[in-house]
Amino acid sequence: MPPEDRQSFRRNAERWMQMGPEERAMMREREKAYRERVKVEVDAALRDSGLRLEGERRALFEQRYLQERRRVEHSLRQEIESKRQQELPALQERLKKEFQEKPSPEIRSTTAPVGSSSPKK
């Protein structure tokens, strides 16, 4: 396992140890749903490829599909993070200008002038 993967595994294990039972159960459910979704996608990829694989060859196909999928997802996450980092300064500047306090030309009073509030007879 590459050093980066080992470090990630260690961090995840530490987080897992700090989680409460409800949080762990939720994470297990998420992982189960993810695995089911990926299983459906692997089956679809196999079906769409037109291959008829059984046993060890099917397991190898699934393994390679998952490996390549992880690689693609990792690459996409890096690409998105890079684009996000490039766009954040402009976003921050736009928001700064939008929310920067603008001095008002005249401070208006909400009370009526004295003497004009009562009608004259």
PDB file of N, CA and C in Angstrom:
ATOM      1  N   MET A   1       0.852  -1.179   0.000  1.00  0.00           N
ATOM      2  CA  MET A   1       0.000   0.000   0.000  1.00  0.00           C
ATOM      3  C   MET A   1       0.897   1.242   0.000  1.00  0.00           C
ATOM      4  N   PRO A   2       0.627   2.193  -0.891  1.00  0.00           N
ATOM      5  CA  PRO A   2       1.440   3.419  -0.951  1.00  0.00           C
ATOM      6  C   PRO A   2       1.339   4.219   0.357  1.00  0.00           C
ATOM      7  N   PRO A   3       2.370   4.995   0.680  1.00  0.00           N
ATOM      8  CA  PRO A   3       2.378   5.770   1.934  1.00  0.00           C
ATOM      9  C   PRO A   3       1.159   6.683   2.088  1.00  0.00           C
ATOM     10  N   GLU A   4       0.726   7.294   0.994  1.00  0.00           N
ATOM     11  CA  GLU A   4      -0.440   8.183   1.049  1.00  0.00           C
ATOM     12  C   GLU A   4      -1.692   7.408   1.462  1.00  0.00           C
ATOM     13  N   ASP A   5      -1.848   6.204   0.929  1.00  0.00           N
ATOM     14  CA  ASP A   5      -2.999   5.365   1.265  1.00  0.00           C
ATOM     15  C   ASP A   5      -2.926   4.894   2.715  1.00  0.00           C
ATOM     16  N   ARG A   6      -1.710   4.562   3.167  1.00  0.00           N
ATOM     17  CA  ARG A   6      -1.541   4.135   4.560  1.00  0.00           C
ATOM     18  C   ARG A   6      -1.912   5.260   5.520  1.00  0.00           C
ATOM     19  N   GLN A   7      -1.489   6.465   5.183  1.00  0.00           N
ATOM     20  CA  GLN A   7      -1.798   7.623   6.025  1.00  0.00           C
ATOM     21  C   GLN A   7      -3.308   7.867   6.055  1.00  0.00           C
ATOM     22  N   SER A   8      -3.950   7.779   4.917  1.00  0.00           N
ATOM     23  CA  SER A   8      -5.399   7.948   4.839  1.00  0.00           C
ATOM     24  C   SER A   8      -6.104   6.867   5.649  1.00  0.00           C
ATOM     25  N   PHE A   9      -5.630   5.629   5.534  1.00  0.00           N
ATOM     26  CA  PHE A   9      -6.213   4.513   6.281  1.00  0.00           C
ATOM     27  C   PHE A   9      -6.079   4.761   7.779  1.00  0.00           C
ATOM     28  N   ARG A  10      -4.931   5.226   8.207  1.00  0.00           N
ATOM     29  CA  ARG A  10      -4.689   5.490   9.633  1.00  0.00           C
ATOM     30  C   ARG A  10      -5.621   6.588  10.150  1.00  0.00           C
ATOM     31  N   ARG A  11      -5.761   7.658   9.364  1.00  0.00           N
ATOM     32  CA  ARG A  11      -6.667   8.750   9.767  1.00  0.00           C
ATOM     33  C   ARG A  11      -8.105   8.254   9.881  1.00  0.00           C
ATOM     34  N   ASN A  12      -8.529   7.463   8.910  1.00  0.00           N
ATOM     35  CA  ASN A  12      -9.890   6.924   8.930  1.00  0.00           C
ATOM     36  C   ASN A  12     -10.101   5.999  10.128  1.00  0.00           C
ATOM     37  N   ALA A  13      -9.106   5.177  10.443  1.00  0.00           N
ATOM     38  CA  ALA A  13      -9.211   4.273  11.592  1.00  0.00           C
ATOM     39  C   ALA A  13      -9.324   5.075  12.887  1.00  0.00           C
ATOM     40  N   GLU A  14      -8.557   6.144  13.005  1.00  0.00           N
ATOM     41  CA  GLU A  14      -8.626   6.985  14.199  1.00  0.00           C
ATOM     42  C   GLU A  14      -9.997   7.655  14.320  1.00  0.00           C
ATOM     43  N   ARG A  15     -10.519   8.149  13.200  1.00  0.00           N
ATOM     44  CA  ARG A  15     -11.855   8.752  13.224  1.00  0.00           C
ATOM     45  C   ARG A  15     -12.902   7.722  13.626  1.00  0.00           C
ATOM     46  N   TRP A  16     -12.770   6.505  13.090  1.00  0.00           N
ATOM     47  CA  TRP A  16     -13.720   5.443  13.393  1.00  0.00           C
ATOM     48  C   TRP A  16     -13.726   5.150  14.890  1.00  0.00           C
ATOM     49  N   MET A  17     -12.558   5.115  15.496  1.00  0.00           N
ATOM     50  CA  MET A  17     -12.452   4.812  16.918  1.00  0.00           C
ATOM     51  C   MET A  17     -13.095   5.902  17.778  1.00  0.00           C
ATOM     52  N   GLN A  18     -13.155   7.115  17.267  1.00  0.00           N
ATOM     53  CA  GLN A  18     -13.727   8.224  18.024  1.00  0.00           C
ATOM     54  C   GLN A  18     -15.231   8.374  17.808  1.00  0.00           C
ATOM     55  N   MET A  19     -15.796   7.652  16.875  1.00  0.00           N
ATOM     56  CA  MET A  19     -17.220   7.751  16.579  1.00  0.00           C
ATOM     57  C   MET A  19     -18.051   7.011  17.628  1.00  0.00           C
ATOM     58  N   GLY A  20     -19.250   7.525  17.826  1.00  0.00           N
ATOM     59  CA  GLY A  20     -20.200   6.853  18.702  1.00  0.00           C
ATOM     60  C   GLY A  20     -20.906   5.741  17.945  1.00  0.00           C
ATOM     61  N   PRO A  21     -21.667   4.898  18.644  1.00  0.00           N
ATOM     62  CA  PRO A  21     -22.356   3.763  17.999  1.00  0.00           C
ATOM     63  C   PRO A  21     -23.330   4.184  16.899  1.00  0.00           C
ATOM     64  N   GLU A  22     -24.071   5.284  17.119  1.00  0.00           N
ATOM     65  CA  GLU A  22     -25.037   5.732  16.105  1.00  0.00           C
ATOM     66  C   GLU A  22     -24.321   6.192  14.844  1.00  0.00           C
ATOM     67  N   GLU A  23     -23.222   6.913  15.048  1.00  0.00           N
ATOM     68  CA  GLU A  23     -22.456   7.410  13.908  1.00  0.00           C
ATOM     69  C   GLU A  23     -21.843   6.246  13.122  1.00  0.00           C
ATOM     70  N   ARG A  24     -21.350   5.252  13.844  1.00  0.00           N
ATOM     71  CA  ARG A  24     -20.790   4.073  13.173  1.00  0.00           C
ATOM     72  C   ARG A  24     -21.870   3.352  12.365  1.00  0.00           C
ATOM     73  N   ALA A  25     -23.052   3.214  12.947  1.00  0.00           N
ATOM     74  CA  ALA A  25     -24.153   2.544  12.244  1.00  0.00           C
ATOM     75  C   ALA A  25     -24.509   3.309  10.974  1.00  0.00           C
ATOM     76  N   MET A  26     -24.538   4.651  11.070  1.00  0.00           N
ATOM     77  CA  MET A  26     -24.834   5.468   9.901  1.00  0.00           C
ATOM     78  C   MET A  26     -23.763   5.278   8.824  1.00  0.00           C
ATOM     79  N   MET A  27     -22.506   5.247   9.244  1.00  0.00           N
ATOM     80  CA  MET A  27     -21.419   5.048   8.280  1.00  0.00           C
ATOM     81  C   MET A  27     -21.514   3.672   7.625  1.00  0.00           C
ATOM     82  N   ARG A  28     -21.864   2.667   8.405  1.00  0.00           N
ATOM     83  CA  ARG A  28     -22.025   1.315   7.834  1.00  0.00           C
ATOM     84  C   ARG A  28     -23.128   1.304   6.783  1.00  0.00           C
ATOM     85  N   GLU A  29     -24.233   1.994   7.073  1.00  0.00           N
ATOM     86  CA  GLU A  29     -25.345   2.063   6.122  1.00  0.00           C
ATOM     87  C   GLU A  29     -24.927   2.778   4.842  1.00  0.00           C
ATOM     88  N   ARG A  30     -24.195   3.878   4.998  1.00  0.00           N
ATOM     89  CA  ARG A  30     -23.694   4.596   3.806  1.00  0.00           C
ATOM     90  C   ARG A  30     -22.802   3.703   2.959  1.00  0.00           C
ATOM     91  N   GLU A  31     -21.891   2.986   3.635  1.00  0.00           N
ATOM     92  CA  GLU A  31     -20.972   2.101   2.917  1.00  0.00           C
ATOM     93  C   GLU A  31     -21.743   0.989   2.218  1.00  0.00           C
ATOM     94  N   LYS A  32     -22.743   0.455   2.892  1.00  0.00           N
ATOM     95  CA  LYS A  32     -23.561  -0.611   2.304  1.00  0.00           C
ATOM     96  C   LYS A  32     -24.279  -0.089   1.054  1.00  0.00           C
ATOM     97  N   ALA A  33     -24.862   1.104   1.160  1.00  0.00           N
ATOM     98  CA  ALA A  33     -25.564   1.699   0.010  1.00  0.00           C
ATOM     99  C   ALA A  33     -24.584   1.961  -1.125  1.00  0.00           C
ATOM    100  N   TYR A  34     -23.379   2.453  -0.797  1.00  0.00           N
ATOM    101  CA  TYR A  34     -22.359   2.717  -1.819  1.00  0.00           C
ATOM    102  C   TYR A  34     -21.980   1.421  -2.524  1.00  0.00           C
ATOM    103  N   ARG A  35     -21.736   0.366  -1.755  1.00  0.00           N
ATOM    104  CA  ARG A  35     -21.339  -0.917  -2.349  1.00  0.00           C
ATOM    105  C   ARG A  35     -22.448  -1.479  -3.243  1.00  0.00           C
ATOM    106  N   GLU A  36     -23.697  -1.329  -2.826  1.00  0.00           N
ATOM    107  CA  GLU A  36     -24.815  -1.802  -3.645  1.00  0.00           C
ATOM    108  C   GLU A  36     -24.896  -1.021  -4.952  1.00  0.00           C
ATOM    109  N   ARG A  37     -24.722   0.308  -4.855  1.00  0.00           N
ATOM    110  CA  ARG A  37     -24.775   1.153  -6.055  1.00  0.00           C
ATOM    111  C   ARG A  37     -23.634   0.785  -7.015  1.00  0.00           C
ATOM    112  N   VAL A  38     -22.443   0.582  -6.471  1.00  0.00           N
ATOM    113  CA  VAL A  38     -21.297   0.227  -7.302  1.00  0.00           C
ATOM    114  C   VAL A  38     -21.496  -1.157  -7.915  1.00  0.00           C
ATOM    115  N   LYS A  39     -22.067  -2.084  -7.152  1.00  0.00           N
ATOM    116  CA  LYS A  39     -22.332  -3.434  -7.673  1.00  0.00           C
ATOM    117  C   LYS A  39     -23.255  -3.354  -8.884  1.00  0.00           C
ATOM    118  N   VAL A  40     -24.287  -2.514  -8.794  1.00  0.00           N
ATOM    119  CA  VAL A  40     -25.203  -2.330  -9.923  1.00  0.00           C
ATOM    120  C   VAL A  40     -24.439  -1.750 -11.117  1.00  0.00           C
ATOM    121  N   GLU A  41     -23.562  -0.795 -10.848  1.00  0.00           N
ATOM    122  CA  GLU A  41     -22.786  -0.182 -11.938  1.00  0.00           C
ATOM    123  C   GLU A  41     -21.805  -1.166 -12.554  1.00  0.00           C
ATOM    124  N   VAL A  42     -21.185  -2.012 -11.731  1.00  0.00           N
ATOM    125  CA  VAL A  42     -20.271  -3.032 -12.259  1.00  0.00           C
ATOM    126  C   VAL A  42     -21.039  -3.997 -13.146  1.00  0.00           C
ATOM    127  N   ASP A  43     -22.196  -4.421 -12.670  1.00  0.00           N
ATOM    128  CA  ASP A  43     -23.019  -5.337 -13.471  1.00  0.00           C
ATOM    129  C   ASP A  43     -23.421  -4.690 -14.793  1.00  0.00           C
ATOM    130  N   ALA A  44     -23.782  -3.417 -14.743  1.00  0.00           N
ATOM    131  CA  ALA A  44     -24.165  -2.703 -15.967  1.00  0.00           C
ATOM    132  C   ALA A  44     -22.969  -2.581 -16.914  1.00  0.00           C
ATOM    133  N   ALA A  45     -21.793  -2.283 -16.370  1.00  0.00           N
ATOM    134  CA  ALA A  45     -20.593  -2.159 -17.208  1.00  0.00           C
ATOM    135  C   ALA A  45     -20.266  -3.495 -17.865  1.00  0.00           C
ATOM    136  N   LEU A  46     -20.408  -4.545 -17.107  1.00  0.00           N
ATOM    137  CA  LEU A  46     -20.147  -5.884 -17.660  1.00  0.00           C
ATOM    138  C   LEU A  46     -21.152  -6.220 -18.742  1.00  0.00           C
ATOM    139  N   ARG A  47     -22.421  -5.946 -18.468  1.00  0.00           N
ATOM    140  CA  ARG A  47     -23.479  -6.215 -19.448  1.00  0.00           C
ATOM    141  C   ARG A  47     -23.268  -5.373 -20.711  1.00  0.00           C
ATOM    142  N   ASP A  48     -22.975  -4.060 -20.518  1.00  0.00           N
ATOM    143  CA  ASP A  48     -22.778  -3.165 -21.666  1.00  0.00           C
ATOM    144  C   ASP A  48     -21.558  -3.545 -22.501  1.00  0.00           C
ATOM    145  N   SER A  49     -20.576  -4.162 -21.862  1.00  0.00           N
ATOM    146  CA  SER A  49     -19.369  -4.561 -22.595  1.00  0.00           C
ATOM    147  C   SER A  49     -19.629  -5.763 -23.500  1.00  0.00           C
ATOM    148  N   GLY A  50     -20.712  -6.492 -23.210  1.00  0.00           N
ATOM    149  CA  GLY A  50     -21.023  -7.680 -24.008  1.00  0.00           C
ATOM    150  C   GLY A  50     -20.244  -8.903 -23.565  1.00  0.00           C
ATOM    151  N   LEU A  51     -19.427  -8.774 -22.531  1.00  0.00           N
ATOM    152  CA  LEU A  51     -18.638  -9.906 -22.040  1.00  0.00           C
ATOM    153  C   LEU A  51     -19.508 -10.830 -21.201  1.00  0.00           C
ATOM    154  N   ARG A  52     -19.199 -12.117 -21.277  1.00  0.00           N
ATOM    155  CA  ARG A  52     -19.870 -13.113 -20.441  1.00  0.00           C
ATOM    156  C   ARG A  52     -18.777 -13.772 -19.596  1.00  0.00           C
ATOM    157  N   LEU A  53     -18.590 -13.229 -18.407  1.00  0.00           N
ATOM    158  CA  LEU A  53     -17.523 -13.731 -17.542  1.00  0.00           C
ATOM    159  C   LEU A  53     -18.103 -14.447 -16.346  1.00  0.00           C
ATOM    160  N   GLU A  54     -17.413 -15.466 -15.908  1.00  0.00           N
ATOM    161  CA  GLU A  54     -17.835 -16.241 -14.747  1.00  0.00           C
ATOM    162  C   GLU A  54     -16.655 -16.406 -13.788  1.00  0.00           C
ATOM    163  N   GLY A  55     -17.000 -16.625 -12.546  1.00  0.00           N
ATOM    164  CA  GLY A  55     -16.002 -16.993 -11.539  1.00  0.00           C
ATOM    165  C   GLY A  55     -14.881 -15.993 -11.371  1.00  0.00           C
ATOM    166  N   GLU A  56     -13.676 -16.531 -11.503  1.00  0.00           N
ATOM    167  CA  GLU A  56     -12.467 -15.733 -11.256  1.00  0.00           C
ATOM    168  C   GLU A  56     -12.326 -14.568 -12.233  1.00  0.00           C
ATOM    169  N   ARG A  57     -12.700 -14.778 -13.476  1.00  0.00           N
ATOM    170  CA  ARG A  57     -12.579 -13.699 -14.476  1.00  0.00           C
ATOM    171  C   ARG A  57     -13.560 -12.572 -14.168  1.00  0.00           C
ATOM    172  N   ARG A  58     -14.749 -12.916 -13.719  1.00  0.00           N
ATOM    173  CA  ARG A  58     -15.730 -11.889 -13.337  1.00  0.00           C
ATOM    174  C   ARG A  58     -15.219 -11.109 -12.122  1.00  0.00           C
ATOM    175  N   ALA A  59     -14.694 -11.813 -11.159  1.00  0.00           N
ATOM    176  CA  ALA A  59     -14.153 -11.166  -9.952  1.00  0.00           C
ATOM    177  C   ALA A  59     -13.000 -10.229 -10.323  1.00  0.00           C
ATOM    178  N   LEU A  60     -12.167 -10.659 -11.262  1.00  0.00           N
ATOM    179  CA  LEU A  60     -11.060  -9.822 -11.711  1.00  0.00           C
ATOM    180  C   LEU A  60     -11.577  -8.579 -12.432  1.00  0.00           C
ATOM    181  N   PHE A  61     -12.628  -8.761 -13.262  1.00  0.00           N
ATOM    182  CA  PHE A  61     -13.240  -7.617 -13.941  1.00  0.00           C
ATOM    183  C   PHE A  61     -13.772  -6.623 -12.916  1.00  0.00           C
ATOM    184  N   GLU A  62     -14.489  -7.110 -11.899  1.00  0.00           N
ATOM    185  CA  GLU A  62     -15.036  -6.244 -10.854  1.00  0.00           C
ATOM    186  C   GLU A  62     -13.922  -5.502 -10.125  1.00  0.00           C
ATOM    187  N   GLN A  63     -12.863  -6.226  -9.809  1.00  0.00           N
ATOM    188  CA  GLN A  63     -11.728  -5.619  -9.107  1.00  0.00           C
ATOM    189  C   GLN A  63     -11.106  -4.498  -9.942  1.00  0.00           C
ATOM    190  N   ARG A  64     -10.876  -4.762 -11.209  1.00  0.00           N
ATOM    191  CA  ARG A  64     -10.267  -3.758 -12.093  1.00  0.00           C
ATOM    192  C   ARG A  64     -11.196  -2.571 -12.305  1.00  0.00           C
ATOM    193  N   TYR A  65     -12.497  -2.854 -12.442  1.00  0.00           N
ATOM    194  CA  TYR A  65     -13.468  -1.780 -12.617  1.00  0.00           C
ATOM    195  C   TYR A  65     -13.435  -0.858 -11.405  1.00  0.00           C
ATOM    196  N   LEU A  66     -13.468  -1.436 -10.215  1.00  0.00           N
ATOM    197  CA  LEU A  66     -13.447  -0.643  -8.992  1.00  0.00           C
ATOM    198  C   LEU A  66     -12.136   0.138  -8.847  1.00  0.00           C
ATOM    199  N   GLN A  67     -11.046  -0.495  -9.206  1.00  0.00           N
ATOM    200  CA  GLN A  67      -9.734   0.157  -9.135  1.00  0.00           C
ATOM    201  C   GLN A  67      -9.698   1.365 -10.072  1.00  0.00           C
ATOM    202  N   GLU A  68     -10.133   1.181 -11.290  1.00  0.00           N
ATOM    203  CA  GLU A  68     -10.123   2.276 -12.261  1.00  0.00           C
ATOM    204  C   GLU A  68     -11.133   3.352 -11.885  1.00  0.00           C
ATOM    205  N   ARG A  69     -12.265   2.931 -11.351  1.00  0.00           N
ATOM    206  CA  ARG A  69     -13.274   3.906 -10.918  1.00  0.00           C
ATOM    207  C   ARG A  69     -12.707   4.792  -9.808  1.00  0.00           C
ATOM    208  N   ARG A  70     -12.029   4.192  -8.829  1.00  0.00           N
ATOM    209  CA  ARG A  70     -11.410   4.967  -7.748  1.00  0.00           C
ATOM    210  C   ARG A  70     -10.389   5.951  -8.306  1.00  0.00           C
ATOM    211  N   ARG A  71      -9.615   5.487  -9.283  1.00  0.00           N
ATOM    212  CA  ARG A  71      -8.609   6.357  -9.896  1.00  0.00           C
ATOM    213  C   ARG A  71      -9.280   7.550 -10.571  1.00  0.00           C
ATOM    214  N   VAL A  72     -10.352   7.290 -11.325  1.00  0.00           N
ATOM    215  CA  VAL A  72     -11.084   8.354 -12.020  1.00  0.00           C
ATOM    216  C   VAL A  72     -11.697   9.321 -11.003  1.00  0.00           C
ATOM    217  N   GLU A  73     -12.333   8.784  -9.967  1.00  0.00           N
ATOM    218  CA  GLU A  73     -12.951   9.643  -8.951  1.00  0.00           C
ATOM    219  C   GLU A  73     -11.908  10.496  -8.238  1.00  0.00           C
ATOM    220  N   HIS A  74     -10.753   9.914  -7.945  1.00  0.00           N
ATOM    221  CA  HIS A  74      -9.668  10.663  -7.303  1.00  0.00           C
ATOM    222  C   HIS A  74      -9.199  11.801  -8.207  1.00  0.00           C
ATOM    223  N   SER A  75      -9.023  11.497  -9.463  1.00  0.00           N
ATOM    224  CA  SER A  75      -8.589  12.500 -10.432  1.00  0.00           C
ATOM    225  C   SER A  75      -9.609  13.632 -10.540  1.00  0.00           C
ATOM    226  N   LEU A  76     -10.889  13.275 -10.585  1.00  0.00           N
ATOM    227  CA  LEU A  76     -11.944  14.293 -10.677  1.00  0.00           C
ATOM    228  C   LEU A  76     -11.990  15.160  -9.422  1.00  0.00           C
ATOM    229  N   ARG A  77     -11.824  14.545  -8.245  1.00  0.00           N
ATOM    230  CA  ARG A  77     -11.811  15.327  -7.000  1.00  0.00           C
ATOM    231  C   ARG A  77     -10.661  16.327  -7.012  1.00  0.00           C
ATOM    232  N   GLN A  78      -9.483  15.892  -7.477  1.00  0.00           N
ATOM    233  CA  GLN A  78      -8.329  16.796  -7.553  1.00  0.00           C
ATOM    234  C   GLN A  78      -8.598  17.933  -8.537  1.00  0.00           C
ATOM    235  N   GLU A  79      -9.194  17.609  -9.668  1.00  0.00           N
ATOM    236  CA  GLU A  79      -9.497  18.618 -10.677  1.00  0.00           C
ATOM    237  C   GLU A  79     -10.499  19.643 -10.140  1.00  0.00           C
ATOM    238  N   ILE A  80     -11.537  19.161  -9.477  1.00  0.00           N
ATOM    239  CA  ILE A  80     -12.549  20.060  -8.920  1.00  0.00           C
ATOM    240  C   ILE A  80     -11.939  20.941  -7.836  1.00  0.00           C
ATOM    241  N   GLU A  81     -11.125  20.360  -6.969  1.00  0.00           N
ATOM    242  CA  GLU A  81     -10.485  21.143  -5.908  1.00  0.00           C
ATOM    243  C   GLU A  81      -9.572  22.217  -6.492  1.00  0.00           C
ATOM    244  N   SER A  82      -8.859  21.878  -7.544  1.00  0.00           N
ATOM    245  CA  SER A  82      -7.980  22.839  -8.200  1.00  0.00           C
ATOM    246  C   SER A  82      -8.784  24.000  -8.785  1.00  0.00           C
ATOM    247  N   LYS A  83      -9.870  23.683  -9.470  1.00  0.00           N
ATOM    248  CA  LYS A  83     -10.724  24.732 -10.046  1.00  0.00           C
ATOM    249  C   LYS A  83     -11.349  25.587  -8.948  1.00  0.00           C
ATOM    250  N   ARG A  84     -11.772  24.943  -7.865  1.00  0.00           N
ATOM    251  CA  ARG A  84     -12.365  25.675  -6.750  1.00  0.00           C
ATOM    252  C   ARG A  84     -11.355  26.667  -6.173  1.00  0.00           C
ATOM    253  N   GLN A  85     -10.128  26.221  -5.974  1.00  0.00           N
ATOM    254  CA  GLN A  85      -9.087  27.098  -5.437  1.00  0.00           C
ATOM    255  C   GLN A  85      -8.802  28.268  -6.371  1.00  0.00           C
ATOM    256  N   GLN A  86      -8.899  28.056  -7.674  1.00  0.00           N
ATOM    257  CA  GLN A  86      -8.670  29.123  -8.646  1.00  0.00           C
ATOM    258  C   GLN A  86      -9.800  30.149  -8.626  1.00  0.00           C
ATOM    259  N   GLU A  87     -11.024  29.684  -8.397  1.00  0.00           N
ATOM    260  CA  GLU A  87     -12.188  30.574  -8.462  1.00  0.00           C
ATOM    261  C   GLU A  87     -12.511  31.261  -7.138  1.00  0.00           C
ATOM    262  N   LEU A  88     -12.023  30.740  -6.035  1.00  0.00           N
ATOM    263  CA  LEU A  88     -12.349  31.323  -4.735  1.00  0.00           C
ATOM    264  C   LEU A  88     -11.917  32.782  -4.566  1.00  0.00           C
ATOM    265  N   PRO A  89     -10.721  33.177  -4.974  1.00  0.00           N
ATOM    266  CA  PRO A  89     -10.350  34.589  -4.787  1.00  0.00           C
ATOM    267  C   PRO A  89     -11.305  35.556  -5.485  1.00  0.00           C
ATOM    268  N   ALA A  90     -11.716  35.246  -6.697  1.00  0.00           N
ATOM    269  CA  ALA A  90     -12.659  36.114  -7.416  1.00  0.00           C
ATOM    270  C   ALA A  90     -14.007  36.137  -6.708  1.00  0.00           C
ATOM    271  N   LEU A  91     -14.446  34.995  -6.229  1.00  0.00           N
ATOM    272  CA  LEU A  91     -15.707  34.922  -5.491  1.00  0.00           C
ATOM    273  C   LEU A  91     -15.635  35.775  -4.230  1.00  0.00           C
ATOM    274  N   GLN A  92     -14.545  35.634  -3.501  1.00  0.00           N
ATOM    275  CA  GLN A  92     -14.382  36.408  -2.272  1.00  0.00           C
ATOM    276  C   GLN A  92     -14.359  37.906  -2.559  1.00  0.00           C
ATOM    277  N   GLU A  93     -13.720  38.293  -3.630  1.00  0.00           N
ATOM    278  CA  GLU A  93     -13.653  39.709  -3.993  1.00  0.00           C
ATOM    279  C   GLU A  93     -15.036  40.237  -4.372  1.00  0.00           C
ATOM    280  N   ARG A  94     -15.811  39.448  -5.147  1.00  0.00           N
ATOM    281  CA  ARG A  94     -17.172  39.859  -5.507  1.00  0.00           C
ATOM    282  C   ARG A  94     -18.035  40.033  -4.267  1.00  0.00           C
ATOM    283  N   LEU A  95     -17.942  39.078  -3.360  1.00  0.00           N
ATOM    284  CA  LEU A  95     -18.735  39.158  -2.137  1.00  0.00           C
ATOM    285  C   LEU A  95     -18.296  40.324  -1.262  1.00  0.00           C
ATOM    286  N   LYS A  96     -17.003  40.584  -1.249  1.00  0.00           N
ATOM    287  CA  LYS A  96     -16.490  41.712  -0.466  1.00  0.00           C
ATOM    288  C   LYS A  96     -17.078  43.013  -0.989  1.00  0.00           C
ATOM    289  N   LYS A  97     -17.089  43.165  -2.311  1.00  0.00           N
ATOM    290  CA  LYS A  97     -17.649  44.375  -2.909  1.00  0.00           C
ATOM    291  C   LYS A  97     -19.158  44.454  -2.669  1.00  0.00           C
ATOM    292  N   GLU A  98     -19.834  43.327  -2.795  1.00  0.00           N
ATOM    293  CA  GLU A  98     -21.282  43.306  -2.627  1.00  0.00           C
ATOM    294  C   GLU A  98     -21.699  43.645  -1.200  1.00  0.00           C
ATOM    295  N   PHE A  99     -20.963  43.145  -0.232  1.00  0.00           N
ATOM    296  CA  PHE A  99     -21.363  43.315   1.153  1.00  0.00           C
ATOM    297  C   PHE A  99     -20.598  44.411   1.893  1.00  0.00           C
ATOM    298  N   GLN A 100     -19.695  45.046   1.180  1.00  0.00           N
ATOM    299  CA  GLN A 100     -18.944  46.117   1.807  1.00  0.00           C
ATOM    300  C   GLN A 100     -19.905  47.235   2.167  1.00  0.00           C
ATOM    301  N   GLU A 101     -19.757  47.775   3.359  1.00  0.00           N
ATOM    302  CA  GLU A 101     -20.667  48.816   3.818  1.00  0.00           C
ATOM    303  C   GLU A 101     -20.484  50.052   2.949  1.00  0.00           C
ATOM    304  N   LYS A 102     -21.595  50.490   2.374  1.00  0.00           N
ATOM    305  CA  LYS A 102     -21.562  51.677   1.521  1.00  0.00           C
ATOM    306  C   LYS A 102     -22.037  52.857   2.358  1.00  0.00           C
ATOM    307  N   PRO A 103     -21.293  53.928   2.389  1.00  0.00           N
ATOM    308  CA  PRO A 103     -21.734  55.089   3.173  1.00  0.00           C
ATOM    309  C   PRO A 103     -22.967  55.714   2.526  1.00  0.00           C
ATOM    310  N   SER A 104     -23.982  55.989   3.361  1.00  0.00           N
ATOM    311  CA  SER A 104     -25.205  56.588   2.824  1.00  0.00           C
ATOM    312  C   SER A 104     -25.003  58.097   2.714  1.00  0.00           C
ATOM    313  N   PRO A 105     -25.545  58.726   1.668  1.00  0.00           N
ATOM    314  CA  PRO A 105     -25.321  60.161   1.453  1.00  0.00           C
ATOM    315  C   PRO A 105     -25.981  61.019   2.514  1.00  0.00           C
ATOM    316  N   GLU A 106     -27.055  60.541   3.113  1.00  0.00           N
ATOM    317  CA  GLU A 106     -27.776  61.348   4.096  1.00  0.00           C
ATOM    318  C   GLU A 106     -28.395  60.431   5.133  1.00  0.00           C
ATOM    319  N   ILE A 107     -28.245  60.761   6.377  1.00  0.00           N
ATOM    320  CA  ILE A 107     -28.880  59.971   7.431  1.00  0.00           C
ATOM    321  C   ILE A 107     -30.262  60.536   7.631  1.00  0.00           C
ATOM    322  N   ARG A 108     -31.261  59.676   7.467  1.00  0.00           N
ATOM    323  CA  ARG A 108     -32.650  60.120   7.540  1.00  0.00           C
ATOM    324  C   ARG A 108     -33.216  59.806   8.914  1.00  0.00           C
ATOM    325  N   SER A 109     -34.021  60.728   9.405  1.00  0.00           N
ATOM    326  CA  SER A 109     -34.670  60.541  10.685  1.00  0.00           C
ATOM    327  C   SER A 109     -36.010  59.857  10.450  1.00  0.00           C
ATOM    328  N   THR A 110     -36.375  58.976  11.372  1.00  0.00           N
ATOM    329  CA  THR A 110     -37.654  58.270  11.230  1.00  0.00           C
ATOM    330  C   THR A 110     -38.778  59.018  11.934  1.00  0.00           C
ATOM    331  N   THR A 111     -38.457  60.088  12.647  1.00  0.00           N
ATOM    332  CA  THR A 111     -39.499  60.873  13.334  1.00  0.00           C
ATOM    333  C   THR A 111     -39.868  62.074  12.495  1.00  0.00           C
ATOM    334  N   ALA A 112     -41.092  62.503  12.653  1.00  0.00           N
ATOM    335  CA  ALA A 112     -41.578  63.672  11.902  1.00  0.00           C
ATOM    336  C   ALA A 112     -41.033  64.938  12.557  1.00  0.00           C
ATOM    337  N   PRO A 113     -40.869  66.004  11.801  1.00  0.00           N
ATOM    338  CA  PRO A 113     -40.372  67.260  12.382  1.00  0.00           C
ATOM    339  C   PRO A 113     -41.321  67.783  13.449  1.00  0.00           C
ATOM    340  N   VAL A 114     -40.770  68.413  14.447  1.00  0.00           N
ATOM    341  CA  VAL A 114     -41.550  68.967  15.543  1.00  0.00           C
ATOM    342  C   VAL A 114     -42.417  70.105  15.018  1.00  0.00           C
ATOM    343  N   GLY A 115     -43.634  70.156  15.448  1.00  0.00           N
ATOM    344  CA  GLY A 115     -44.515  71.244  15.035  1.00  0.00           C
ATOM    345  C   GLY A 115     -45.415  70.873  13.880  1.00  0.00           C
ATOM    346  N   SER A 116     -45.056  69.930  13.069  1.00  0.00           N
ATOM    347  CA  SER A 116     -45.910  69.572  11.940  1.00  0.00           C
ATOM    348  C   SER A 116     -46.756  68.344  12.235  1.00  0.00           C
ATOM    349  N   SER A 117     -46.604  67.766  13.416  1.00  0.00           N
ATOM    350  CA  SER A 117     -47.344  66.555  13.724  1.00  0.00           C
ATOM    351  C   SER A 117     -48.785  66.837  14.156  1.00  0.00           C
ATOM    352  N   SER A 118     -49.081  68.005  14.706  1.00  0.00           N
ATOM    353  CA  SER A 118     -50.451  68.264  15.110  1.00  0.00           C
ATOM    354  C   SER A 118     -51.127  69.171  14.098  1.00  0.00           C
ATOM    355  N   PRO A 119     -52.339  68.840  13.667  1.00  0.00           N
ATOM    356  CA  PRO A 119     -53.019  69.680  12.664  1.00  0.00           C
ATOM    357  C   PRO A 119     -53.443  71.005  13.268  1.00  0.00           C
ATOM    358  N   LYS A 120     -53.381  72.056  12.465  1.00  0.00           N
ATOM    359  CA  LYS A 120     -53.776  73.389  12.916  1.00  0.00           C
ATOM    360  C   LYS A 120     -55.214  73.644  12.551  1.00  0.00           C
ATOM    361  N   LYS A 121     -55.930  74.304  13.431  1.00  0.00           N
ATOM    362  CA  LYS A 121     -57.341  74.593  13.198  1.00  0.00           C
ATOM    363  C   LYS A 121     -57.544  76.033  12.896  1.00  0.00           C
TER     364      LYS A 121
END
